[in-house]
Amino acid sequence: MAKDETEAKTEAKTVREYRTEELAEAAGIPVRTLRFYRERKLLPPPRREGRIAWYDEHHLARLRTIAALLERGHTLGGIAELTAAFESGRDVSQLGELLGIGWSEETPVRLTPEALADYFEGEVTPENLAASLDLGYLAVDGDAIVHVSRRLLDVSSALVREGVPLAAVLETGRRVREHADAMALLFTELISTHISSSPDALTRLRPLAKSVVEAELTMAMDRLLASAAGQEPSS
Protein backbone atom coordinates (compact mmCIF):
# COMPACT_ATOMS: atom_id res chain seq x y z
CA MET A 1 0.00 0.00 0.00
CA ALA A 2 1.31 3.47 -0.87
CA LYS A 3 2.42 5.72 1.97
CA ASP A 4 -0.14 8.43 1.10
CA GLU A 5 -3.01 5.93 1.23
CA THR A 6 -1.81 4.62 4.60
CA GLU A 7 -1.59 8.12 6.05
CA ALA A 8 -5.04 9.01 4.73
CA LYS A 9 -6.59 5.92 6.29
CA THR A 10 -4.82 6.58 9.58
CA GLU A 11 -6.10 10.15 9.61
CA ALA A 12 -9.63 8.99 8.84
CA LYS A 13 -9.51 6.58 11.77
CA THR A 14 -8.45 9.34 14.17
CA VAL A 15 -11.45 11.60 13.39
CA ARG A 16 -13.42 11.76 16.64
CA GLU A 17 -17.10 10.92 16.48
CA TYR A 18 -19.65 10.95 19.29
CA ARG A 19 -22.89 9.18 20.03
CA THR A 20 -25.68 11.40 21.34
CA GLU A 21 -24.87 10.79 24.99
CA GLU A 22 -21.12 11.26 24.43
CA LEU A 23 -21.61 14.56 22.62
CA ALA A 24 -23.92 15.88 25.34
CA GLU A 25 -21.34 14.95 27.99
CA ALA A 26 -18.49 16.57 26.05
CA ALA A 27 -20.54 19.78 25.67
CA GLY A 28 -21.64 19.75 29.31
CA ILE A 29 -25.37 19.72 28.56
CA PRO A 30 -28.20 17.23 29.18
CA VAL A 31 -29.15 14.88 26.35
CA ARG A 32 -32.64 16.42 26.24
CA THR A 33 -31.07 19.83 25.59
CA LEU A 34 -29.03 18.39 22.74
CA ARG A 35 -32.15 16.89 21.21
CA PHE A 36 -34.00 20.18 21.66
CA TYR A 37 -31.22 22.04 19.81
CA ARG A 38 -31.39 19.47 17.04
CA GLU A 39 -35.18 19.87 16.76
CA ARG A 40 -34.73 23.67 16.56
CA LYS A 41 -32.20 23.09 13.74
CA LEU A 42 -29.43 24.73 15.72
CA LEU A 43 -27.24 21.74 14.87
CA PRO A 44 -26.45 20.24 11.45
CA PRO A 45 -27.91 16.73 10.97
CA PRO A 46 -25.71 13.92 12.34
CA ARG A 47 -24.29 11.12 10.26
CA ARG A 48 -26.63 8.13 10.42
CA GLU A 49 -25.49 4.55 10.70
CA GLY A 50 -28.65 2.53 10.98
CA ARG A 51 -30.46 3.90 14.02
CA ILE A 52 -27.30 5.39 15.52
CA ALA A 53 -26.61 9.11 15.16
CA TRP A 54 -22.93 10.05 14.94
CA TYR A 55 -21.71 13.57 15.64
CA ASP A 56 -18.25 15.05 15.11
CA GLU A 57 -16.07 17.95 16.27
CA HIS A 58 -18.06 20.43 14.18
CA HIS A 59 -21.18 19.61 16.18
CA LEU A 60 -19.25 20.01 19.43
CA ALA A 61 -17.89 23.39 18.27
CA ARG A 62 -21.43 24.50 17.39
CA LEU A 63 -22.69 23.54 20.86
CA ARG A 64 -19.88 25.52 22.49
CA THR A 65 -20.73 28.50 20.29
CA ILE A 66 -24.39 28.28 21.33
CA ALA A 67 -23.35 28.20 24.98
CA ALA A 68 -21.09 31.23 24.52
CA LEU A 69 -23.81 33.22 22.75
CA LEU A 70 -26.35 32.33 25.46
CA GLU A 71 -23.91 33.62 28.07
CA ARG A 72 -23.73 36.90 26.14
CA GLY A 73 -27.49 37.35 26.36
CA HIS A 74 -28.62 36.02 22.98
CA THR A 75 -31.91 34.12 22.89
CA LEU A 76 -32.29 30.72 21.25
CA GLY A 77 -34.54 32.33 18.64
CA GLY A 78 -31.87 34.89 17.86
CA ILE A 79 -29.18 32.21 17.70
CA ALA A 80 -31.34 30.19 15.29
CA GLU A 81 -31.67 33.24 13.01
CA LEU A 82 -27.93 33.89 13.16
CA THR A 83 -27.22 30.24 12.41
CA ALA A 84 -29.51 30.34 9.38
CA ALA A 85 -27.82 33.50 8.14
CA PHE A 86 -24.35 32.01 8.58
CA GLU A 87 -25.28 28.80 6.80
CA SER A 88 -26.74 30.73 3.85
CA GLY A 89 -23.65 32.95 3.68
CA ARG A 90 -21.03 32.88 0.98
CA ASP A 91 -18.23 30.38 1.26
CA VAL A 92 -14.85 31.95 2.01
CA SER A 93 -13.49 30.70 -1.33
CA GLN A 94 -15.93 33.05 -3.10
CA LEU A 95 -14.83 36.23 -1.37
CA GLY A 96 -11.94 37.09 -3.67
CA GLU A 97 -14.09 36.56 -6.75
CA LEU A 98 -16.96 38.54 -5.22
CA LEU A 99 -14.83 41.60 -4.47
CA GLY A 100 -12.45 41.23 -7.40
CA ILE A 101 -9.40 41.00 -5.16
CA GLY A 102 -6.68 38.47 -4.57
CA TRP A 103 -5.75 39.22 -0.97
CA SER A 104 -2.80 41.28 -2.28
CA GLU A 105 -2.93 43.79 0.58
CA GLU A 106 -5.91 43.17 2.81
CA THR A 107 -5.52 40.61 5.58
CA PRO A 108 -8.57 38.38 6.18
CA VAL A 109 -9.46 37.65 9.82
CA ARG A 110 -10.88 34.36 11.10
CA LEU A 111 -13.38 34.76 13.92
CA THR A 112 -15.66 32.58 15.99
CA PRO A 113 -19.30 33.76 16.15
CA GLU A 114 -18.79 34.76 19.80
CA ALA A 115 -15.66 36.76 18.91
CA LEU A 116 -17.65 38.61 16.25
CA ALA A 117 -20.32 39.33 18.86
CA ASP A 118 -17.62 40.78 21.13
CA TYR A 119 -16.37 43.08 18.35
CA PHE A 120 -19.86 44.52 17.84
CA GLU A 121 -21.55 44.02 21.19
CA GLY A 122 -25.32 44.07 20.80
CA GLU A 123 -25.10 44.89 17.09
CA VAL A 124 -24.73 41.42 15.56
CA THR A 125 -28.32 41.06 14.44
CA PRO A 126 -29.59 38.86 11.58
CA GLU A 127 -30.22 42.03 9.55
CA ASN A 128 -26.67 43.36 10.03
CA LEU A 129 -25.22 39.91 9.43
CA ALA A 130 -27.16 39.58 6.17
CA ALA A 131 -25.95 43.03 5.08
CA SER A 132 -22.33 42.09 5.88
CA LEU A 133 -22.63 38.88 3.90
CA ASP A 134 -24.22 40.75 1.00
CA LEU A 135 -21.38 43.30 0.97
CA GLY A 136 -18.83 40.53 1.07
CA TYR A 137 -17.35 41.73 4.36
CA LEU A 138 -18.07 38.32 5.90
CA ALA A 139 -17.98 34.73 4.70
CA VAL A 140 -18.38 31.39 6.44
CA ASP A 141 -15.68 28.74 6.54
CA GLY A 142 -16.83 25.66 8.42
CA ASP A 143 -17.48 26.74 12.01
CA ALA A 144 -15.53 29.97 11.59
CA ILE A 145 -16.35 33.36 10.12
CA VAL A 146 -13.88 35.19 7.89
CA HIS A 147 -13.84 38.99 7.66
CA VAL A 148 -12.41 40.21 4.38
CA SER A 149 -10.17 42.90 5.87
CA ARG A 150 -8.47 43.48 9.22
CA ARG A 151 -8.50 47.24 8.51
CA LEU A 152 -12.21 47.35 7.75
CA LEU A 153 -12.98 45.21 10.80
CA ASP A 154 -10.99 47.50 13.12
CA VAL A 155 -12.49 50.70 11.67
CA SER A 156 -16.03 49.33 11.79
CA SER A 157 -15.72 48.20 15.41
CA ALA A 158 -14.12 51.54 16.39
CA LEU A 159 -17.05 53.47 14.87
CA VAL A 160 -19.53 51.24 16.70
CA ARG A 161 -17.70 51.81 19.99
CA GLU A 162 -17.99 55.56 19.34
CA GLY A 163 -21.77 55.16 19.12
CA VAL A 164 -22.41 54.77 15.39
CA PRO A 165 -24.99 51.99 14.73
CA LEU A 166 -23.52 49.08 12.81
CA ALA A 167 -26.35 49.31 10.27
CA ALA A 168 -25.25 52.89 9.47
CA VAL A 169 -21.61 51.80 9.21
CA LEU A 170 -22.55 49.07 6.73
CA GLU A 171 -24.72 51.41 4.64
CA THR A 172 -21.86 53.92 4.51
CA GLY A 173 -19.55 51.10 3.48
CA ARG A 174 -21.89 50.25 0.64
CA ARG A 175 -21.89 53.87 -0.57
CA VAL A 176 -18.11 54.15 -0.22
CA ARG A 177 -17.79 50.97 -2.30
CA GLU A 178 -19.66 52.66 -5.15
CA HIS A 179 -17.34 55.69 -5.11
CA ALA A 180 -14.26 53.48 -4.73
CA ASP A 181 -15.27 51.43 -7.77
CA ALA A 182 -15.68 54.65 -9.77
CA MET A 183 -12.25 55.96 -8.69
CA ALA A 184 -10.60 52.64 -9.48
CA LEU A 185 -12.13 52.72 -12.96
CA LEU A 186 -10.97 56.32 -13.44
CA PHE A 187 -7.33 55.50 -12.63
CA THR A 188 -7.41 52.27 -14.60
CA GLU A 189 -8.60 54.16 -17.69
CA LEU A 190 -5.94 56.85 -17.13
CA ILE A 191 -3.10 54.33 -16.90
CA SER A 192 -4.41 52.15 -19.71
CA THR A 193 -4.84 55.11 -22.07
CA HIS A 194 -1.52 56.83 -21.48
CA ILE A 195 0.88 54.13 -20.27
CA SER A 196 -0.17 50.52 -20.65
CA SER A 197 -3.17 48.29 -20.11
CA SER A 198 -1.05 45.41 -18.88
CA PRO A 199 -1.71 44.10 -15.36
CA ASP A 200 1.95 44.77 -14.48
CA ALA A 201 1.55 48.49 -15.15
CA LEU A 202 -1.66 48.70 -13.17
CA THR A 203 -0.06 46.90 -10.24
CA ARG A 204 3.12 49.01 -10.36
CA LEU A 205 1.24 52.34 -10.41
CA ARG A 206 -1.48 51.33 -7.98
CA PRO A 207 0.26 53.04 -4.99
CA LEU A 208 0.14 56.36 -6.87
CA ALA A 209 -3.63 56.09 -7.20
CA LYS A 210 -3.95 55.31 -3.49
CA SER A 211 -1.81 58.34 -2.60
CA VAL A 212 -3.97 60.68 -4.69
CA VAL A 213 -7.19 59.38 -3.15
CA GLU A 214 -5.81 59.63 0.40
CA ALA A 215 -4.53 63.19 -0.19
CA GLU A 216 -7.79 64.35 -1.76
CA LEU A 217 -9.85 62.80 1.05
CA THR A 218 -7.64 64.48 3.66
CA MET A 219 -8.04 67.88 1.98
CA ALA A 220 -11.79 67.35 1.61
CA MET A 221 -12.07 66.66 5.34
CA ASP A 222 -9.98 69.77 6.05
CA ARG A 223 -12.33 71.88 3.92
CA LEU A 224 -15.38 70.54 5.73
CA LEU A 225 -13.83 71.18 9.15
CA ALA A 226 -12.81 74.70 8.14
CA SER A 227 -16.30 75.39 6.81
CA ALA A 228 -17.91 74.09 10.00
CA ALA A 229 -15.58 76.20 12.14
CA GLY A 230 -16.44 79.31 10.10
CA GLN A 231 -20.13 78.78 10.68
CA GLU A 232 -19.80 78.59 14.45
CA PRO A 233 -21.02 81.73 16.24
CA SER A 234 -18.21 83.86 17.64
CA SER A 235 -17.99 84.04 21.42
C-alpha atoms as a PDB file:
ATOM      1  CA  MET A   1       0.000   0.000   0.000  1.00  0.00           C
ATOM      2  CA  ALA A   2       1.312   3.471  -0.868  1.00  0.00           C
ATOM      3  CA  LYS A   3       2.420   5.724   1.968  1.00  0.00           C
ATOM      4  CA  ASP A   4      -0.138   8.426   1.103  1.00  0.00           C
ATOM      5  CA  GLU A   5      -3.006   5.929   1.227  1.00  0.00           C
ATOM      6  CA  THR A   6      -1.805   4.619   4.601  1.00  0.00           C
ATOM      7  CA  GLU A   7      -1.591   8.123   6.055  1.00  0.00           C
ATOM      8  CA  ALA A   8      -5.040   9.011   4.729  1.00  0.00           C
ATOM      9  CA  LYS A   9      -6.594   5.924   6.292  1.00  0.00           C
ATOM     10  CA  THR A  10      -4.816   6.578   9.583  1.00  0.00           C
ATOM     11  CA  GLU A  11      -6.100  10.151   9.613  1.00  0.00           C
ATOM     12  CA  ALA A  12      -9.629   8.989   8.844  1.00  0.00           C
ATOM     13  CA  LYS A  13      -9.509   6.585  11.770  1.00  0.00           C
ATOM     14  CA  THR A  14      -8.455   9.343  14.168  1.00  0.00           C
ATOM     15  CA  VAL A  15     -11.448  11.599  13.386  1.00  0.00           C
ATOM     16  CA  ARG A  16     -13.424  11.757  16.641  1.00  0.00           C
ATOM     17  CA  GLU A  17     -17.103  10.919  16.479  1.00  0.00           C
ATOM     18  CA  TYR A  18     -19.646  10.953  19.292  1.00  0.00           C
ATOM     19  CA  ARG A  19     -22.888   9.183  20.029  1.00  0.00           C
ATOM     20  CA  THR A  20     -25.675  11.404  21.343  1.00  0.00           C
ATOM     21  CA  GLU A  21     -24.865  10.788  24.993  1.00  0.00           C
ATOM     22  CA  GLU A  22     -21.123  11.256  24.430  1.00  0.00           C
ATOM     23  CA  LEU A  23     -21.615  14.564  22.621  1.00  0.00           C
ATOM     24  CA  ALA A  24     -23.916  15.883  25.341  1.00  0.00           C
ATOM     25  CA  GLU A  25     -21.345  14.947  27.994  1.00  0.00           C
ATOM     26  CA  ALA A  26     -18.487  16.572  26.052  1.00  0.00           C
ATOM     27  CA  ALA A  27     -20.537  19.776  25.669  1.00  0.00           C
ATOM     28  CA  GLY A  28     -21.639  19.747  29.308  1.00  0.00           C
ATOM     29  CA  ILE A  29     -25.367  19.718  28.564  1.00  0.00           C
ATOM     30  CA  PRO A  30     -28.203  17.226  29.178  1.00  0.00           C
ATOM     31  CA  VAL A  31     -29.152  14.875  26.351  1.00  0.00           C
ATOM     32  CA  ARG A  32     -32.639  16.416  26.236  1.00  0.00           C
ATOM     33  CA  THR A  33     -31.065  19.830  25.593  1.00  0.00           C
ATOM     34  CA  LEU A  34     -29.030  18.391  22.738  1.00  0.00           C
ATOM     35  CA  ARG A  35     -32.150  16.888  21.213  1.00  0.00           C
ATOM     36  CA  PHE A  36     -34.002  20.179  21.661  1.00  0.00           C
ATOM     37  CA  TYR A  37     -31.224  22.042  19.806  1.00  0.00           C
ATOM     38  CA  ARG A  38     -31.393  19.473  17.037  1.00  0.00           C
ATOM     39  CA  GLU A  39     -35.178  19.869  16.761  1.00  0.00           C
ATOM     40  CA  ARG A  40     -34.733  23.666  16.564  1.00  0.00           C
ATOM     41  CA  LYS A  41     -32.205  23.089  13.740  1.00  0.00           C
ATOM     42  CA  LEU A  42     -29.428  24.735  15.725  1.00  0.00           C
ATOM     43  CA  LEU A  43     -27.235  21.740  14.872  1.00  0.00           C
ATOM     44  CA  PRO A  44     -26.452  20.237  11.455  1.00  0.00           C
ATOM     45  CA  PRO A  45     -27.910  16.733  10.971  1.00  0.00           C
ATOM     46  CA  PRO A  46     -25.706  13.922  12.339  1.00  0.00           C
ATOM     47  CA  ARG A  47     -24.293  11.119  10.257  1.00  0.00           C
ATOM     48  CA  ARG A  48     -26.630   8.133  10.419  1.00  0.00           C
ATOM     49  CA  GLU A  49     -25.494   4.547  10.695  1.00  0.00           C
ATOM     50  CA  GLY A  50     -28.649   2.525  10.984  1.00  0.00           C
ATOM     51  CA  ARG A  51     -30.458   3.900  14.018  1.00  0.00           C
ATOM     52  CA  ILE A  52     -27.296   5.391  15.519  1.00  0.00           C
ATOM     53  CA  ALA A  53     -26.612   9.112  15.157  1.00  0.00           C
ATOM     54  CA  TRP A  54     -22.930  10.046  14.939  1.00  0.00           C
ATOM     55  CA  TYR A  55     -21.706  13.568  15.644  1.00  0.00           C
ATOM     56  CA  ASP A  56     -18.253  15.054  15.110  1.00  0.00           C
ATOM     57  CA  GLU A  57     -16.070  17.948  16.273  1.00  0.00           C
ATOM     58  CA  HIS A  58     -18.059  20.434  14.177  1.00  0.00           C
ATOM     59  CA  HIS A  59     -21.176  19.609  16.179  1.00  0.00           C
ATOM     60  CA  LEU A  60     -19.248  20.015  19.433  1.00  0.00           C
ATOM     61  CA  ALA A  61     -17.889  23.390  18.268  1.00  0.00           C
ATOM     62  CA  ARG A  62     -21.431  24.504  17.390  1.00  0.00           C
ATOM     63  CA  LEU A  63     -22.686  23.537  20.858  1.00  0.00           C
ATOM     64  CA  ARG A  64     -19.881  25.516  22.486  1.00  0.00           C
ATOM     65  CA  THR A  65     -20.726  28.495  20.294  1.00  0.00           C
ATOM     66  CA  ILE A  66     -24.389  28.277  21.327  1.00  0.00           C
ATOM     67  CA  ALA A  67     -23.355  28.198  24.985  1.00  0.00           C
ATOM     68  CA  ALA A  68     -21.086  31.229  24.518  1.00  0.00           C
ATOM     69  CA  LEU A  69     -23.810  33.217  22.754  1.00  0.00           C
ATOM     70  CA  LEU A  70     -26.353  32.333  25.458  1.00  0.00           C
ATOM     71  CA  GLU A  71     -23.905  33.617  28.075  1.00  0.00           C
ATOM     72  CA  ARG A  72     -23.734  36.900  26.142  1.00  0.00           C
ATOM     73  CA  GLY A  73     -27.487  37.345  26.356  1.00  0.00           C
ATOM     74  CA  HIS A  74     -28.624  36.022  22.977  1.00  0.00           C
ATOM     75  CA  THR A  75     -31.914  34.117  22.890  1.00  0.00           C
ATOM     76  CA  LEU A  76     -32.295  30.724  21.246  1.00  0.00           C
ATOM     77  CA  GLY A  77     -34.542  32.328  18.638  1.00  0.00           C
ATOM     78  CA  GLY A  78     -31.866  34.893  17.856  1.00  0.00           C
ATOM     79  CA  ILE A  79     -29.177  32.205  17.697  1.00  0.00           C
ATOM     80  CA  ALA A  80     -31.342  30.192  15.294  1.00  0.00           C
ATOM     81  CA  GLU A  81     -31.670  33.241  13.011  1.00  0.00           C
ATOM     82  CA  LEU A  82     -27.932  33.894  13.165  1.00  0.00           C
ATOM     83  CA  THR A  83     -27.216  30.240  12.410  1.00  0.00           C
ATOM     84  CA  ALA A  84     -29.512  30.338   9.376  1.00  0.00           C
ATOM     85  CA  ALA A  85     -27.822  33.504   8.143  1.00  0.00           C
ATOM     86  CA  PHE A  86     -24.351  32.014   8.582  1.00  0.00           C
ATOM     87  CA  GLU A  87     -25.285  28.798   6.799  1.00  0.00           C
ATOM     88  CA  SER A  88     -26.739  30.727   3.855  1.00  0.00           C
ATOM     89  CA  GLY A  89     -23.652  32.953   3.685  1.00  0.00           C
ATOM     90  CA  ARG A  90     -21.031  32.884   0.985  1.00  0.00           C
ATOM     91  CA  ASP A  91     -18.231  30.381   1.259  1.00  0.00           C
ATOM     92  CA  VAL A  92     -14.846  31.946   2.005  1.00  0.00           C
ATOM     93  CA  SER A  93     -13.494  30.698  -1.328  1.00  0.00           C
ATOM     94  CA  GLN A  94     -15.934  33.048  -3.104  1.00  0.00           C
ATOM     95  CA  LEU A  95     -14.828  36.235  -1.369  1.00  0.00           C
ATOM     96  CA  GLY A  96     -11.939  37.090  -3.672  1.00  0.00           C
ATOM     97  CA  GLU A  97     -14.093  36.563  -6.750  1.00  0.00           C
ATOM     98  CA  LEU A  98     -16.960  38.538  -5.220  1.00  0.00           C
ATOM     99  CA  LEU A  99     -14.828  41.599  -4.475  1.00  0.00           C
ATOM    100  CA  GLY A 100     -12.451  41.228  -7.398  1.00  0.00           C
ATOM    101  CA  ILE A 101      -9.399  40.997  -5.156  1.00  0.00           C
ATOM    102  CA  GLY A 102      -6.681  38.468  -4.565  1.00  0.00           C
ATOM    103  CA  TRP A 103      -5.752  39.223  -0.965  1.00  0.00           C
ATOM    104  CA  SER A 104      -2.800  41.284  -2.277  1.00  0.00           C
ATOM    105  CA  GLU A 105      -2.932  43.793   0.577  1.00  0.00           C
ATOM    106  CA  GLU A 106      -5.911  43.168   2.812  1.00  0.00           C
ATOM    107  CA  THR A 107      -5.515  40.610   5.584  1.00  0.00           C
ATOM    108  CA  PRO A 108      -8.574  38.376   6.182  1.00  0.00           C
ATOM    109  CA  VAL A 109      -9.456  37.645   9.819  1.00  0.00           C
ATOM    110  CA  ARG A 110     -10.883  34.364  11.097  1.00  0.00           C
ATOM    111  CA  LEU A 111     -13.381  34.756  13.924  1.00  0.00           C
ATOM    112  CA  THR A 112     -15.664  32.578  15.991  1.00  0.00           C
ATOM    113  CA  PRO A 113     -19.300  33.759  16.150  1.00  0.00           C
ATOM    114  CA  GLU A 114     -18.794  34.757  19.797  1.00  0.00           C
ATOM    115  CA  ALA A 115     -15.658  36.761  18.905  1.00  0.00           C
ATOM    116  CA  LEU A 116     -17.649  38.609  16.245  1.00  0.00           C
ATOM    117  CA  ALA A 117     -20.320  39.333  18.864  1.00  0.00           C
ATOM    118  CA  ASP A 118     -17.620  40.784  21.131  1.00  0.00           C
ATOM    119  CA  TYR A 119     -16.367  43.078  18.350  1.00  0.00           C
ATOM    120  CA  PHE A 120     -19.860  44.521  17.837  1.00  0.00           C
ATOM    121  CA  GLU A 121     -21.555  44.017  21.193  1.00  0.00           C
ATOM    122  CA  GLY A 122     -25.316  44.065  20.799  1.00  0.00           C
ATOM    123  CA  GLU A 123     -25.105  44.888  17.089  1.00  0.00           C
ATOM    124  CA  VAL A 124     -24.729  41.422  15.559  1.00  0.00           C
ATOM    125  CA  THR A 125     -28.323  41.055  14.436  1.00  0.00           C
ATOM    126  CA  PRO A 126     -29.588  38.861  11.578  1.00  0.00           C
ATOM    127  CA  GLU A 127     -30.216  42.026   9.547  1.00  0.00           C
ATOM    128  CA  ASN A 128     -26.672  43.362  10.031  1.00  0.00           C
ATOM    129  CA  LEU A 129     -25.221  39.915   9.426  1.00  0.00           C
ATOM    130  CA  ALA A 130     -27.155  39.582   6.173  1.00  0.00           C
ATOM    131  CA  ALA A 131     -25.954  43.034   5.077  1.00  0.00           C
ATOM    132  CA  SER A 132     -22.330  42.093   5.881  1.00  0.00           C
ATOM    133  CA  LEU A 133     -22.633  38.876   3.895  1.00  0.00           C
ATOM    134  CA  ASP A 134     -24.215  40.746   0.996  1.00  0.00           C
ATOM    135  CA  LEU A 135     -21.381  43.303   0.967  1.00  0.00           C
ATOM    136  CA  GLY A 136     -18.827  40.526   1.069  1.00  0.00           C
ATOM    137  CA  TYR A 137     -17.352  41.726   4.363  1.00  0.00           C
ATOM    138  CA  LEU A 138     -18.073  38.316   5.905  1.00  0.00           C
ATOM    139  CA  ALA A 139     -17.981  34.735   4.697  1.00  0.00           C
ATOM    140  CA  VAL A 140     -18.384  31.392   6.437  1.00  0.00           C
ATOM    141  CA  ASP A 141     -15.679  28.738   6.539  1.00  0.00           C
ATOM    142  CA  GLY A 142     -16.833  25.656   8.416  1.00  0.00           C
ATOM    143  CA  ASP A 143     -17.475  26.737  12.011  1.00  0.00           C
ATOM    144  CA  ALA A 144     -15.533  29.973  11.586  1.00  0.00           C
ATOM    145  CA  ILE A 145     -16.355  33.363  10.116  1.00  0.00           C
ATOM    146  CA  VAL A 146     -13.882  35.195   7.892  1.00  0.00           C
ATOM    147  CA  HIS A 147     -13.840  38.992   7.663  1.00  0.00           C
ATOM    148  CA  VAL A 148     -12.413  40.209   4.379  1.00  0.00           C
ATOM    149  CA  SER A 149     -10.169  42.901   5.869  1.00  0.00           C
ATOM    150  CA  ARG A 150      -8.473  43.484   9.217  1.00  0.00           C
ATOM    151  CA  ARG A 151      -8.496  47.237   8.508  1.00  0.00           C
ATOM    152  CA  LEU A 152     -12.212  47.346   7.751  1.00  0.00           C
ATOM    153  CA  LEU A 153     -12.980  45.210  10.805  1.00  0.00           C
ATOM    154  CA  ASP A 154     -10.988  47.497  13.117  1.00  0.00           C
ATOM    155  CA  VAL A 155     -12.490  50.696  11.666  1.00  0.00           C
ATOM    156  CA  SER A 156     -16.034  49.335  11.789  1.00  0.00           C
ATOM    157  CA  SER A 157     -15.718  48.200  15.408  1.00  0.00           C
ATOM    158  CA  ALA A 158     -14.120  51.542  16.389  1.00  0.00           C
ATOM    159  CA  LEU A 159     -17.050  53.465  14.875  1.00  0.00           C
ATOM    160  CA  VAL A 160     -19.534  51.238  16.698  1.00  0.00           C
ATOM    161  CA  ARG A 161     -17.695  51.813  19.986  1.00  0.00           C
ATOM    162  CA  GLU A 162     -17.994  55.559  19.338  1.00  0.00           C
ATOM    163  CA  GLY A 163     -21.767  55.163  19.124  1.00  0.00           C
ATOM    164  CA  VAL A 164     -22.414  54.766  15.391  1.00  0.00           C
ATOM    165  CA  PRO A 165     -24.988  51.990  14.733  1.00  0.00           C
ATOM    166  CA  LEU A 166     -23.517  49.077  12.807  1.00  0.00           C
ATOM    167  CA  ALA A 167     -26.349  49.307  10.268  1.00  0.00           C
ATOM    168  CA  ALA A 168     -25.253  52.886   9.471  1.00  0.00           C
ATOM    169  CA  VAL A 169     -21.608  51.796   9.206  1.00  0.00           C
ATOM    170  CA  LEU A 170     -22.548  49.073   6.728  1.00  0.00           C
ATOM    171  CA  GLU A 171     -24.720  51.406   4.641  1.00  0.00           C
ATOM    172  CA  THR A 172     -21.865  53.917   4.513  1.00  0.00           C
ATOM    173  CA  GLY A 173     -19.545  51.104   3.480  1.00  0.00           C
ATOM    174  CA  ARG A 174     -21.893  50.251   0.641  1.00  0.00           C
ATOM    175  CA  ARG A 175     -21.885  53.869  -0.573  1.00  0.00           C
ATOM    176  CA  VAL A 176     -18.106  54.153  -0.221  1.00  0.00           C
ATOM    177  CA  ARG A 177     -17.795  50.968  -2.304  1.00  0.00           C
ATOM    178  CA  GLU A 178     -19.663  52.664  -5.154  1.00  0.00           C
ATOM    179  CA  HIS A 179     -17.340  55.693  -5.110  1.00  0.00           C
ATOM    180  CA  ALA A 180     -14.258  53.484  -4.733  1.00  0.00           C
ATOM    181  CA  ASP A 181     -15.272  51.433  -7.774  1.00  0.00           C
ATOM    182  CA  ALA A 182     -15.685  54.654  -9.773  1.00  0.00           C
ATOM    183  CA  MET A 183     -12.253  55.956  -8.689  1.00  0.00           C
ATOM    184  CA  ALA A 184     -10.596  52.636  -9.476  1.00  0.00           C
ATOM    185  CA  LEU A 185     -12.129  52.715 -12.960  1.00  0.00           C
ATOM    186  CA  LEU A 186     -10.969  56.317 -13.439  1.00  0.00           C
ATOM    187  CA  PHE A 187      -7.331  55.497 -12.625  1.00  0.00           C
ATOM    188  CA  THR A 188      -7.413  52.267 -14.603  1.00  0.00           C
ATOM    189  CA  GLU A 189      -8.597  54.157 -17.689  1.00  0.00           C
ATOM    190  CA  LEU A 190      -5.941  56.849 -17.127  1.00  0.00           C
ATOM    191  CA  ILE A 191      -3.097  54.330 -16.896  1.00  0.00           C
ATOM    192  CA  SER A 192      -4.412  52.150 -19.714  1.00  0.00           C
ATOM    193  CA  THR A 193      -4.842  55.109 -22.073  1.00  0.00           C
ATOM    194  CA  HIS A 194      -1.519  56.833 -21.481  1.00  0.00           C
ATOM    195  CA  ILE A 195       0.879  54.134 -20.272  1.00  0.00           C
ATOM    196  CA  SER A 196      -0.166  50.517 -20.645  1.00  0.00           C
ATOM    197  CA  SER A 197      -3.171  48.288 -20.112  1.00  0.00           C
ATOM    198  CA  SER A 198      -1.051  45.408 -18.883  1.00  0.00           C
ATOM    199  CA  PRO A 199      -1.709  44.104 -15.359  1.00  0.00           C
ATOM    200  CA  ASP A 200       1.946  44.774 -14.482  1.00  0.00           C
ATOM    201  CA  ALA A 201       1.549  48.492 -15.151  1.00  0.00           C
ATOM    202  CA  LEU A 202      -1.664  48.698 -13.170  1.00  0.00           C
ATOM    203  CA  THR A 203      -0.057  46.897 -10.240  1.00  0.00           C
ATOM    204  CA  ARG A 204       3.116  49.013 -10.364  1.00  0.00           C
ATOM    205  CA  LEU A 205       1.236  52.338 -10.410  1.00  0.00           C
ATOM    206  CA  ARG A 206      -1.478  51.332  -7.977  1.00  0.00           C
ATOM    207  CA  PRO A 207       0.264  53.042  -4.987  1.00  0.00           C
ATOM    208  CA  LEU A 208       0.137  56.357  -6.867  1.00  0.00           C
ATOM    209  CA  ALA A 209      -3.633  56.095  -7.197  1.00  0.00           C
ATOM    210  CA  LYS A 210      -3.954  55.312  -3.493  1.00  0.00           C
ATOM    211  CA  SER A 211      -1.813  58.340  -2.598  1.00  0.00           C
ATOM    212  CA  VAL A 212      -3.968  60.676  -4.693  1.00  0.00           C
ATOM    213  CA  VAL A 213      -7.190  59.376  -3.150  1.00  0.00           C
ATOM    214  CA  GLU A 214      -5.813  59.629   0.396  1.00  0.00           C
ATOM    215  CA  ALA A 215      -4.533  63.188  -0.192  1.00  0.00           C
ATOM    216  CA  GLU A 216      -7.794  64.350  -1.761  1.00  0.00           C
ATOM    217  CA  LEU A 217      -9.850  62.805   1.050  1.00  0.00           C
ATOM    218  CA  THR A 218      -7.644  64.482   3.655  1.00  0.00           C
ATOM    219  CA  MET A 219      -8.040  67.880   1.981  1.00  0.00           C
ATOM    220  CA  ALA A 220     -11.792  67.348   1.607  1.00  0.00           C
ATOM    221  CA  MET A 221     -12.074  66.657   5.341  1.00  0.00           C
ATOM    222  CA  ASP A 222      -9.980  69.767   6.047  1.00  0.00           C
ATOM    223  CA  ARG A 223     -12.332  71.882   3.923  1.00  0.00           C
ATOM    224  CA  LEU A 224     -15.376  70.540   5.734  1.00  0.00           C
ATOM    225  CA  LEU A 225     -13.830  71.181   9.150  1.00  0.00           C
ATOM    226  CA  ALA A 226     -12.814  74.703   8.140  1.00  0.00           C
ATOM    227  CA  SER A 227     -16.304  75.386   6.814  1.00  0.00           C
ATOM    228  CA  ALA A 228     -17.910  74.093   9.999  1.00  0.00           C
ATOM    229  CA  ALA A 229     -15.577  76.203  12.139  1.00  0.00           C
ATOM    230  CA  GLY A 230     -16.436  79.305  10.096  1.00  0.00           C
ATOM    231  CA  GLN A 231     -20.133  78.776  10.676  1.00  0.00           C
ATOM    232  CA  GLU A 232     -19.803  78.594  14.454  1.00  0.00           C
ATOM    233  CA  PRO A 233     -21.021  81.729  16.242  1.00  0.00           C
ATOM    234  CA  SER A 234     -18.205  83.863  17.638  1.00  0.00           C
ATOM    235  CA  SER A 235     -17.986  84.040  21.415  1.00  0.00           C
END
